[in-house]
Amino acid sequence: MKTDDKIIGGYSRINFKEVKAGANIYSIDGRTLEEFTGLDFQTWRESWDKKYK
């Protein structure tokens, strides 16, 4: 992602037809969700749902 020609974030993933929840997704610097947030996918998802739903 970028805005005003500055990179502000992003992620990459392998292009598969089916991706398991939270699998194969990395931050722009190559860290996994767990490395980036310190949370496993399920815990992160519950936190996100609570905050944004």
C-alpha atoms as a PDB file:
ATOM      1  CA  MET A   1       0.000   0.000   0.000  1.00  0.00           C
ATOM      2  CA  LYS A   2       1.182   3.481  -0.638  1.00  0.00           C
ATOM      3  CA  THR A   3      -0.126   6.998  -0.349  1.00  0.00           C
ATOM      4  CA  ASP A   4       1.395  10.232  -1.614  1.00  0.00           C
ATOM      5  CA  ASP A   5       4.098   8.068  -3.240  1.00  0.00           C
ATOM      6  CA  LYS A   6       5.208   6.760   0.193  1.00  0.00           C
ATOM      7  CA  ILE A   7       5.009   3.098   1.154  1.00  0.00           C
ATOM      8  CA  ILE A   8       2.864   2.838   4.298  1.00  0.00           C
ATOM      9  CA  GLY A   9       2.455  -0.919   4.536  1.00  0.00           C
ATOM     10  CA  GLY A  10       1.475  -4.044   2.717  1.00  0.00           C
ATOM     11  CA  TYR A  11       1.614  -7.804   2.686  1.00  0.00           C
ATOM     12  CA  SER A  12       2.353 -10.601   0.301  1.00  0.00           C
ATOM     13  CA  ARG A  13       1.076 -14.126  -0.036  1.00  0.00           C
ATOM     14  CA  ILE A  14       1.567 -17.070  -2.311  1.00  0.00           C
ATOM     15  CA  ASN A  15      -1.054 -17.084  -5.055  1.00  0.00           C
ATOM     16  CA  PHE A  16      -3.055 -20.225  -4.253  1.00  0.00           C
ATOM     17  CA  LYS A  17      -6.738 -20.734  -4.979  1.00  0.00           C
ATOM     18  CA  GLU A  18      -7.350 -21.662  -1.347  1.00  0.00           C
ATOM     19  CA  VAL A  19      -5.389 -20.231   1.547  1.00  0.00           C
ATOM     20  CA  LYS A  20      -5.912 -21.443   5.091  1.00  0.00           C
ATOM     21  CA  ALA A  21      -6.805 -18.685   7.557  1.00  0.00           C
ATOM     22  CA  GLY A  22      -3.682 -16.722   8.384  1.00  0.00           C
ATOM     23  CA  ALA A  23      -1.381 -19.006   6.401  1.00  0.00           C
ATOM     24  CA  ASN A  24       1.141 -17.834   3.832  1.00  0.00           C
ATOM     25  CA  ILE A  25       0.627 -14.134   4.508  1.00  0.00           C
ATOM     26  CA  TYR A  26       3.668 -12.021   5.365  1.00  0.00           C
ATOM     27  CA  SER A  27       4.368  -8.392   6.187  1.00  0.00           C
ATOM     28  CA  ILE A  28       6.225  -6.321   3.632  1.00  0.00           C
ATOM     29  CA  ASP A  29       9.479  -7.118   5.455  1.00  0.00           C
ATOM     30  CA  GLY A  30       8.804 -10.870   5.430  1.00  0.00           C
ATOM     31  CA  ARG A  31       7.458 -11.384   8.968  1.00  0.00           C
ATOM     32  CA  THR A  32       4.490 -13.637   9.645  1.00  0.00           C
ATOM     33  CA  LEU A  33       1.403 -12.360  11.454  1.00  0.00           C
ATOM     34  CA  GLU A  34       2.648 -13.963  14.668  1.00  0.00           C
ATOM     35  CA  GLU A  35       6.101 -12.381  14.324  1.00  0.00           C
ATOM     36  CA  PHE A  36       4.574  -8.996  13.494  1.00  0.00           C
ATOM     37  CA  THR A  37       1.861  -8.869  16.178  1.00  0.00           C
ATOM     38  CA  GLY A  38       3.014 -11.435  18.749  1.00  0.00           C
ATOM     39  CA  LEU A  39      -0.401 -13.136  18.424  1.00  0.00           C
ATOM     40  CA  ASP A  40      -1.476 -16.356  16.740  1.00  0.00           C
ATOM     41  CA  PHE A  41      -4.085 -15.935  13.989  1.00  0.00           C
ATOM     42  CA  GLN A  42      -7.094 -16.980  16.103  1.00  0.00           C
ATOM     43  CA  THR A  43      -6.215 -14.558  18.927  1.00  0.00           C
ATOM     44  CA  TRP A  44      -5.499 -11.747  16.473  1.00  0.00           C
ATOM     45  CA  ARG A  45      -8.794 -12.378  14.652  1.00  0.00           C
ATOM     46  CA  GLU A  46     -10.818 -12.345  17.877  1.00  0.00           C
ATOM     47  CA  SER A  47      -9.137  -9.081  18.887  1.00  0.00           C
ATOM     48  CA  TRP A  48      -9.811  -7.553  15.453  1.00  0.00           C
ATOM     49  CA  ASP A  49     -13.464  -8.654  15.518  1.00  0.00           C
ATOM     50  CA  LYS A  50     -13.948  -7.199  18.989  1.00  0.00           C
ATOM     51  CA  LYS A  51     -12.394  -3.883  17.989  1.00  0.00           C
ATOM     52  CA  TYR A  52     -13.994  -3.411  14.550  1.00  0.00           C
ATOM     53  CA  LYS A  53     -17.338  -5.238  14.593  1.00  0.00           C
END
